[in-house]
Amino acid sequence: MESFDALARLALRLVADEGTISTLYVNKNYIHHRIAAHSPECATEIEQAILEQVISKFEESIPEAHRGKVYSQRGVVHDEILRIARRTGVDLIIMSPNKRPWEDFFLGSTTRRVVAEARCSVLVER
């Protein structure tokens, strides 16, 4: 969530007057089949607490006129980003690579996959 403010400001500079901004939280802890088989269908207390933080930050950062939806998914992060983007027909994905400062030259595997496979434009904010 540390890069959320910067990404929100960037999205607000790029959004059309009638456009909306949505955000996606992916819980990647359920990507392994062993864990997924024993995971509850509904959100855990921790997941719910994180989602409430995401919603709160989203509502603080994005004016109501541009507010889209907050999506919450479980799974592999790049798969969920691409799936939601395709399903909702987004025009642009804005993301920040989760890399250490000395690795800024490289993109992480999630960012690389989204850039390579997205059917829309992808803006990577460093």
N, C-alpha and C. Protein backbone atom coordinates (compact mmCIF):
# COMPACT_ATOMS: atom_id res chain seq x y z
N MET A 1 0.83 -1.20 0.00
CA MET A 1 0.00 0.00 0.00
C MET A 1 0.86 1.26 0.00
N GLU A 2 2.17 1.11 0.14
CA GLU A 2 3.04 2.27 0.22
C GLU A 2 3.07 3.06 -1.09
N SER A 3 2.89 2.40 -2.23
CA SER A 3 2.91 3.12 -3.50
C SER A 3 1.51 3.54 -3.96
N PHE A 4 0.49 3.23 -3.17
CA PHE A 4 -0.89 3.50 -3.58
C PHE A 4 -1.13 4.99 -3.84
N ASP A 5 -0.65 5.85 -2.97
CA ASP A 5 -0.87 7.30 -3.14
C ASP A 5 -0.29 7.80 -4.45
N ALA A 6 0.94 7.39 -4.76
CA ALA A 6 1.58 7.83 -5.99
C ALA A 6 0.82 7.31 -7.21
N LEU A 7 0.40 6.06 -7.16
CA LEU A 7 -0.35 5.49 -8.28
C LEU A 7 -1.72 6.15 -8.43
N ALA A 8 -2.36 6.48 -7.32
CA ALA A 8 -3.66 7.16 -7.36
C ALA A 8 -3.51 8.55 -7.98
N ARG A 9 -2.47 9.28 -7.59
CA ARG A 9 -2.23 10.62 -8.18
C ARG A 9 -1.99 10.51 -9.68
N LEU A 10 -1.23 9.53 -10.09
CA LEU A 10 -0.96 9.32 -11.51
C LEU A 10 -2.26 8.98 -12.25
N ALA A 11 -3.04 8.09 -11.70
CA ALA A 11 -4.31 7.71 -12.33
C ALA A 11 -5.23 8.92 -12.47
N LEU A 12 -5.26 9.77 -11.47
CA LEU A 12 -6.12 10.96 -11.53
C LEU A 12 -5.65 11.95 -12.60
N ARG A 13 -4.35 12.00 -12.85
CA ARG A 13 -3.86 12.87 -13.92
C ARG A 13 -4.22 12.32 -15.30
N LEU A 14 -4.37 11.01 -15.41
CA LEU A 14 -4.60 10.38 -16.71
C LEU A 14 -6.07 10.09 -17.03
N VAL A 15 -6.92 10.04 -16.02
CA VAL A 15 -8.31 9.64 -16.24
C VAL A 15 -9.07 10.72 -17.00
N ALA A 16 -9.93 10.28 -17.91
CA ALA A 16 -10.80 11.20 -18.65
C ALA A 16 -11.83 11.80 -17.70
N ASP A 17 -12.43 12.90 -18.11
CA ASP A 17 -13.42 13.58 -17.26
C ASP A 17 -14.52 12.64 -16.79
N GLU A 18 -14.98 11.75 -17.66
CA GLU A 18 -16.05 10.83 -17.31
C GLU A 18 -15.53 9.45 -16.92
N GLY A 19 -14.22 9.30 -16.84
CA GLY A 19 -13.62 8.00 -16.56
C GLY A 19 -13.67 7.61 -15.09
N THR A 20 -13.45 6.33 -14.86
CA THR A 20 -13.42 5.81 -13.50
C THR A 20 -12.10 5.09 -13.25
N ILE A 21 -11.76 5.01 -11.98
CA ILE A 21 -10.55 4.33 -11.52
C ILE A 21 -10.99 3.23 -10.56
N SER A 22 -10.49 2.04 -10.80
CA SER A 22 -10.75 0.91 -9.91
C SER A 22 -9.43 0.40 -9.37
N THR A 23 -9.50 -0.40 -8.33
CA THR A 23 -8.29 -0.99 -7.76
C THR A 23 -8.54 -2.46 -7.46
N LEU A 24 -7.46 -3.21 -7.36
CA LEU A 24 -7.54 -4.65 -7.14
C LEU A 24 -6.60 -5.07 -6.03
N TYR A 25 -7.13 -5.80 -5.05
CA TYR A 25 -6.32 -6.42 -4.00
C TYR A 25 -6.34 -7.92 -4.25
N VAL A 26 -5.15 -8.52 -4.35
CA VAL A 26 -5.05 -9.97 -4.56
C VAL A 26 -4.34 -10.59 -3.37
N ASN A 27 -5.02 -11.54 -2.72
CA ASN A 27 -4.41 -12.31 -1.65
C ASN A 27 -3.71 -13.49 -2.31
N LYS A 28 -2.39 -13.43 -2.36
CA LYS A 28 -1.62 -14.47 -3.04
C LYS A 28 -1.31 -15.66 -2.15
N ASN A 29 -1.82 -15.68 -0.94
CA ASN A 29 -1.54 -16.78 -0.02
C ASN A 29 -2.28 -18.07 -0.38
N TYR A 30 -3.23 -18.01 -1.29
CA TYR A 30 -4.03 -19.19 -1.63
C TYR A 30 -3.67 -19.78 -2.99
N ILE A 31 -2.47 -19.52 -3.47
CA ILE A 31 -2.12 -19.98 -4.82
C ILE A 31 -1.73 -21.44 -4.86
N HIS A 32 -1.35 -22.03 -3.75
CA HIS A 32 -0.96 -23.43 -3.74
C HIS A 32 -2.18 -24.31 -3.51
N HIS A 33 -2.28 -25.38 -4.25
CA HIS A 33 -3.46 -26.24 -4.19
C HIS A 33 -3.71 -26.81 -2.80
N ARG A 34 -2.68 -27.12 -2.07
CA ARG A 34 -2.87 -27.65 -0.72
C ARG A 34 -3.58 -26.64 0.17
N ILE A 35 -3.15 -25.40 0.10
CA ILE A 35 -3.76 -24.35 0.91
C ILE A 35 -5.18 -24.06 0.41
N ALA A 36 -5.33 -23.96 -0.89
CA ALA A 36 -6.63 -23.63 -1.47
C ALA A 36 -7.68 -24.67 -1.11
N ALA A 37 -7.28 -25.91 -1.04
CA ALA A 37 -8.24 -26.98 -0.72
C ALA A 37 -8.81 -26.84 0.68
N HIS A 38 -8.07 -26.21 1.57
CA HIS A 38 -8.52 -26.06 2.96
C HIS A 38 -8.92 -24.63 3.30
N SER A 39 -8.94 -23.77 2.32
CA SER A 39 -9.27 -22.37 2.60
C SER A 39 -10.77 -22.16 2.66
N PRO A 40 -11.21 -21.28 3.53
CA PRO A 40 -12.65 -21.00 3.62
C PRO A 40 -13.13 -20.25 2.39
N GLU A 41 -14.38 -20.42 2.05
CA GLU A 41 -14.97 -19.74 0.90
C GLU A 41 -15.05 -18.23 1.14
N CYS A 42 -15.41 -17.84 2.35
CA CYS A 42 -15.54 -16.41 2.64
C CYS A 42 -14.20 -15.87 3.16
N ALA A 43 -14.07 -14.58 3.12
CA ALA A 43 -12.83 -13.93 3.53
C ALA A 43 -12.53 -14.18 5.01
N THR A 44 -11.26 -14.39 5.29
CA THR A 44 -10.83 -14.55 6.68
C THR A 44 -10.83 -13.17 7.35
N GLU A 45 -10.66 -13.15 8.65
CA GLU A 45 -10.61 -11.87 9.38
C GLU A 45 -9.46 -11.01 8.88
N ILE A 46 -8.32 -11.62 8.62
CA ILE A 46 -7.16 -10.87 8.14
C ILE A 46 -7.44 -10.31 6.76
N GLU A 47 -7.98 -11.14 5.86
CA GLU A 47 -8.33 -10.67 4.52
C GLU A 47 -9.33 -9.51 4.59
N GLN A 48 -10.32 -9.65 5.44
CA GLN A 48 -11.33 -8.60 5.57
C GLN A 48 -10.71 -7.31 6.08
N ALA A 49 -9.80 -7.41 7.05
CA ALA A 49 -9.13 -6.22 7.60
C ALA A 49 -8.29 -5.53 6.52
N ILE A 50 -7.58 -6.31 5.72
CA ILE A 50 -6.77 -5.73 4.64
C ILE A 50 -7.67 -5.08 3.61
N LEU A 51 -8.74 -5.76 3.24
CA LEU A 51 -9.68 -5.21 2.26
C LEU A 51 -10.29 -3.91 2.76
N GLU A 52 -10.63 -3.84 4.03
CA GLU A 52 -11.17 -2.60 4.59
C GLU A 52 -10.14 -1.47 4.51
N GLN A 53 -8.86 -1.78 4.72
CA GLN A 53 -7.80 -0.77 4.58
C GLN A 53 -7.70 -0.30 3.12
N VAL A 54 -7.77 -1.26 2.19
CA VAL A 54 -7.71 -0.91 0.77
C VAL A 54 -8.88 -0.01 0.39
N ILE A 55 -10.07 -0.37 0.82
CA ILE A 55 -11.27 0.43 0.52
C ILE A 55 -11.14 1.83 1.12
N SER A 56 -10.69 1.91 2.35
CA SER A 56 -10.53 3.20 3.01
C SER A 56 -9.52 4.07 2.26
N LYS A 57 -8.39 3.50 1.89
CA LYS A 57 -7.36 4.24 1.16
C LYS A 57 -7.88 4.67 -0.20
N PHE A 58 -8.62 3.79 -0.86
CA PHE A 58 -9.21 4.09 -2.16
C PHE A 58 -10.17 5.27 -2.06
N GLU A 59 -11.05 5.24 -1.06
CA GLU A 59 -12.03 6.31 -0.88
C GLU A 59 -11.37 7.63 -0.49
N GLU A 60 -10.26 7.58 0.24
CA GLU A 60 -9.52 8.80 0.59
C GLU A 60 -8.84 9.40 -0.63
N SER A 61 -8.35 8.56 -1.52
CA SER A 61 -7.49 9.00 -2.62
C SER A 61 -8.22 9.34 -3.90
N ILE A 62 -9.34 8.69 -4.15
CA ILE A 62 -10.05 8.86 -5.43
C ILE A 62 -11.35 9.60 -5.20
N PRO A 63 -11.52 10.76 -5.84
CA PRO A 63 -12.77 11.51 -5.70
C PRO A 63 -13.96 10.67 -6.18
N GLU A 64 -15.09 10.88 -5.56
CA GLU A 64 -16.28 10.09 -5.85
C GLU A 64 -16.63 10.08 -7.33
N ALA A 65 -16.42 11.20 -8.02
CA ALA A 65 -16.76 11.29 -9.44
C ALA A 65 -15.97 10.30 -10.29
N HIS A 66 -14.80 9.89 -9.83
CA HIS A 66 -13.95 8.97 -10.60
C HIS A 66 -13.85 7.58 -9.96
N ARG A 67 -14.59 7.36 -8.91
CA ARG A 67 -14.48 6.10 -8.17
C ARG A 67 -15.19 4.96 -8.90
N GLY A 68 -14.41 3.95 -9.24
CA GLY A 68 -14.97 2.73 -9.81
C GLY A 68 -15.19 1.72 -8.69
N LYS A 69 -14.64 0.54 -8.86
CA LYS A 69 -14.84 -0.53 -7.88
C LYS A 69 -13.52 -0.92 -7.23
N VAL A 70 -13.65 -1.54 -6.07
CA VAL A 70 -12.53 -2.19 -5.41
C VAL A 70 -12.76 -3.68 -5.57
N TYR A 71 -11.83 -4.36 -6.25
CA TYR A 71 -11.93 -5.79 -6.46
C TYR A 71 -11.03 -6.50 -5.47
N SER A 72 -11.46 -7.65 -5.01
CA SER A 72 -10.68 -8.48 -4.10
C SER A 72 -10.71 -9.90 -4.62
N GLN A 73 -9.53 -10.47 -4.83
CA GLN A 73 -9.43 -11.82 -5.39
C GLN A 73 -8.39 -12.62 -4.61
N ARG A 74 -8.43 -13.92 -4.79
CA ARG A 74 -7.41 -14.82 -4.27
C ARG A 74 -6.76 -15.49 -5.47
N GLY A 75 -5.43 -15.61 -5.43
CA GLY A 75 -4.77 -16.33 -6.52
C GLY A 75 -3.42 -15.77 -6.87
N VAL A 76 -2.96 -16.14 -8.05
CA VAL A 76 -1.69 -15.66 -8.57
C VAL A 76 -1.91 -14.23 -9.03
N VAL A 77 -1.08 -13.32 -8.56
CA VAL A 77 -1.33 -11.89 -8.76
C VAL A 77 -1.46 -11.53 -10.23
N HIS A 78 -0.51 -11.92 -11.07
CA HIS A 78 -0.60 -11.51 -12.48
C HIS A 78 -1.82 -12.13 -13.16
N ASP A 79 -2.17 -13.36 -12.81
CA ASP A 79 -3.36 -13.99 -13.40
C ASP A 79 -4.62 -13.21 -13.04
N GLU A 80 -4.72 -12.80 -11.79
CA GLU A 80 -5.91 -12.08 -11.34
C GLU A 80 -5.98 -10.68 -11.95
N ILE A 81 -4.84 -10.01 -12.06
CA ILE A 81 -4.82 -8.69 -12.71
C ILE A 81 -5.32 -8.81 -14.14
N LEU A 82 -4.78 -9.76 -14.86
CA LEU A 82 -5.17 -9.95 -16.27
C LEU A 82 -6.62 -10.38 -16.41
N ARG A 83 -7.08 -11.26 -15.52
CA ARG A 83 -8.46 -11.74 -15.59
C ARG A 83 -9.46 -10.61 -15.34
N ILE A 84 -9.21 -9.82 -14.30
CA ILE A 84 -10.12 -8.70 -14.00
C ILE A 84 -10.06 -7.65 -15.12
N ALA A 85 -8.87 -7.38 -15.63
CA ALA A 85 -8.74 -6.40 -16.72
C ALA A 85 -9.53 -6.84 -17.94
N ARG A 86 -9.43 -8.11 -18.29
CA ARG A 86 -10.18 -8.62 -19.46
C ARG A 86 -11.68 -8.59 -19.21
N ARG A 87 -12.07 -9.03 -18.02
CA ARG A 87 -13.50 -9.12 -17.69
C ARG A 87 -14.16 -7.74 -17.67
N THR A 88 -13.43 -6.75 -17.19
CA THR A 88 -14.04 -5.42 -17.05
C THR A 88 -13.73 -4.48 -18.21
N GLY A 89 -12.84 -4.89 -19.12
CA GLY A 89 -12.55 -4.07 -20.29
C GLY A 89 -11.80 -2.78 -19.98
N VAL A 90 -10.85 -2.83 -19.08
CA VAL A 90 -10.11 -1.61 -18.72
C VAL A 90 -9.29 -1.11 -19.90
N ASP A 91 -9.02 0.19 -19.90
CA ASP A 91 -8.20 0.81 -20.94
C ASP A 91 -6.73 0.85 -20.56
N LEU A 92 -6.46 0.88 -19.26
CA LEU A 92 -5.08 1.05 -18.80
C LEU A 92 -4.91 0.39 -17.44
N ILE A 93 -3.82 -0.34 -17.28
CA ILE A 93 -3.42 -0.89 -15.99
C ILE A 93 -2.23 -0.07 -15.52
N ILE A 94 -2.31 0.47 -14.33
CA ILE A 94 -1.18 1.19 -13.74
C ILE A 94 -0.71 0.35 -12.57
N MET A 95 0.57 0.05 -12.56
CA MET A 95 1.11 -0.76 -11.48
C MET A 95 2.52 -0.32 -11.13
N SER A 96 2.94 -0.75 -9.97
CA SER A 96 4.26 -0.43 -9.47
C SER A 96 4.99 -1.74 -9.21
N PRO A 97 6.21 -1.88 -9.73
CA PRO A 97 6.93 -3.13 -9.44
C PRO A 97 7.33 -3.19 -7.98
N ASN A 98 7.18 -4.33 -7.38
CA ASN A 98 7.55 -4.53 -5.98
C ASN A 98 9.01 -4.96 -5.92
N LYS A 99 9.90 -4.04 -6.15
CA LYS A 99 11.33 -4.37 -6.20
C LYS A 99 12.10 -3.53 -5.20
N ARG A 100 13.24 -4.06 -4.80
CA ARG A 100 14.14 -3.30 -3.95
C ARG A 100 14.80 -2.19 -4.77
N PRO A 101 15.23 -1.08 -4.15
CA PRO A 101 15.81 0.03 -4.92
C PRO A 101 16.95 -0.37 -5.86
N TRP A 102 17.81 -1.28 -5.45
CA TRP A 102 18.94 -1.65 -6.30
C TRP A 102 18.52 -2.52 -7.48
N GLU A 103 17.28 -2.97 -7.49
CA GLU A 103 16.79 -3.79 -8.60
C GLU A 103 15.90 -2.98 -9.55
N ASP A 104 15.93 -1.65 -9.44
CA ASP A 104 15.03 -0.81 -10.23
C ASP A 104 15.16 -1.01 -11.74
N PHE A 105 16.29 -1.46 -12.19
CA PHE A 105 16.48 -1.64 -13.62
C PHE A 105 15.63 -2.79 -14.16
N PHE A 106 15.30 -3.74 -13.29
CA PHE A 106 14.58 -4.93 -13.70
C PHE A 106 13.11 -4.87 -13.28
N LEU A 107 12.28 -5.56 -14.03
CA LEU A 107 10.88 -5.71 -13.65
C LEU A 107 10.73 -7.06 -12.96
N GLY A 108 9.85 -7.12 -11.99
CA GLY A 108 9.57 -8.39 -11.33
C GLY A 108 8.76 -9.29 -12.25
N SER A 109 8.60 -10.53 -11.85
CA SER A 109 7.90 -11.49 -12.69
C SER A 109 6.43 -11.13 -12.88
N THR A 110 5.80 -10.61 -11.85
CA THR A 110 4.38 -10.21 -11.98
C THR A 110 4.25 -9.08 -12.99
N THR A 111 5.07 -8.06 -12.86
CA THR A 111 5.00 -6.92 -13.78
C THR A 111 5.32 -7.36 -15.21
N ARG A 112 6.34 -8.18 -15.38
CA ARG A 112 6.70 -8.67 -16.72
C ARG A 112 5.54 -9.42 -17.37
N ARG A 113 4.89 -10.27 -16.61
CA ARG A 113 3.78 -11.05 -17.16
C ARG A 113 2.61 -10.15 -17.55
N VAL A 114 2.28 -9.18 -16.70
CA VAL A 114 1.17 -8.28 -17.01
C VAL A 114 1.49 -7.46 -18.26
N VAL A 115 2.69 -6.91 -18.33
CA VAL A 115 3.09 -6.12 -19.51
C VAL A 115 3.03 -6.98 -20.77
N ALA A 116 3.49 -8.21 -20.69
CA ALA A 116 3.55 -9.08 -21.86
C ALA A 116 2.18 -9.59 -22.31
N GLU A 117 1.26 -9.81 -21.36
CA GLU A 117 0.02 -10.50 -21.69
C GLU A 117 -1.23 -9.63 -21.68
N ALA A 118 -1.14 -8.41 -21.20
CA ALA A 118 -2.33 -7.56 -21.12
C ALA A 118 -2.84 -7.19 -22.50
N ARG A 119 -4.15 -7.12 -22.62
CA ARG A 119 -4.79 -6.72 -23.88
C ARG A 119 -5.00 -5.21 -23.94
N CYS A 120 -4.55 -4.50 -22.91
CA CYS A 120 -4.66 -3.05 -22.87
C CYS A 120 -3.27 -2.48 -22.56
N SER A 121 -3.17 -1.19 -22.51
CA SER A 121 -1.91 -0.55 -22.17
C SER A 121 -1.58 -0.78 -20.70
N VAL A 122 -0.30 -0.84 -20.39
CA VAL A 122 0.18 -1.00 -19.02
C VAL A 122 1.21 0.07 -18.77
N LEU A 123 1.01 0.82 -17.69
CA LEU A 123 1.96 1.85 -17.29
C LEU A 123 2.60 1.40 -15.99
N VAL A 124 3.92 1.27 -15.99
CA VAL A 124 4.65 0.84 -14.81
C VAL A 124 5.31 2.08 -14.22
N GLU A 125 4.87 2.44 -13.02
CA GLU A 125 5.38 3.61 -12.31
C GLU A 125 6.45 3.15 -11.33
N ARG A 126 7.64 3.68 -11.50
CA ARG A 126 8.75 3.34 -10.59
C ARG A 126 8.90 4.38 -9.53
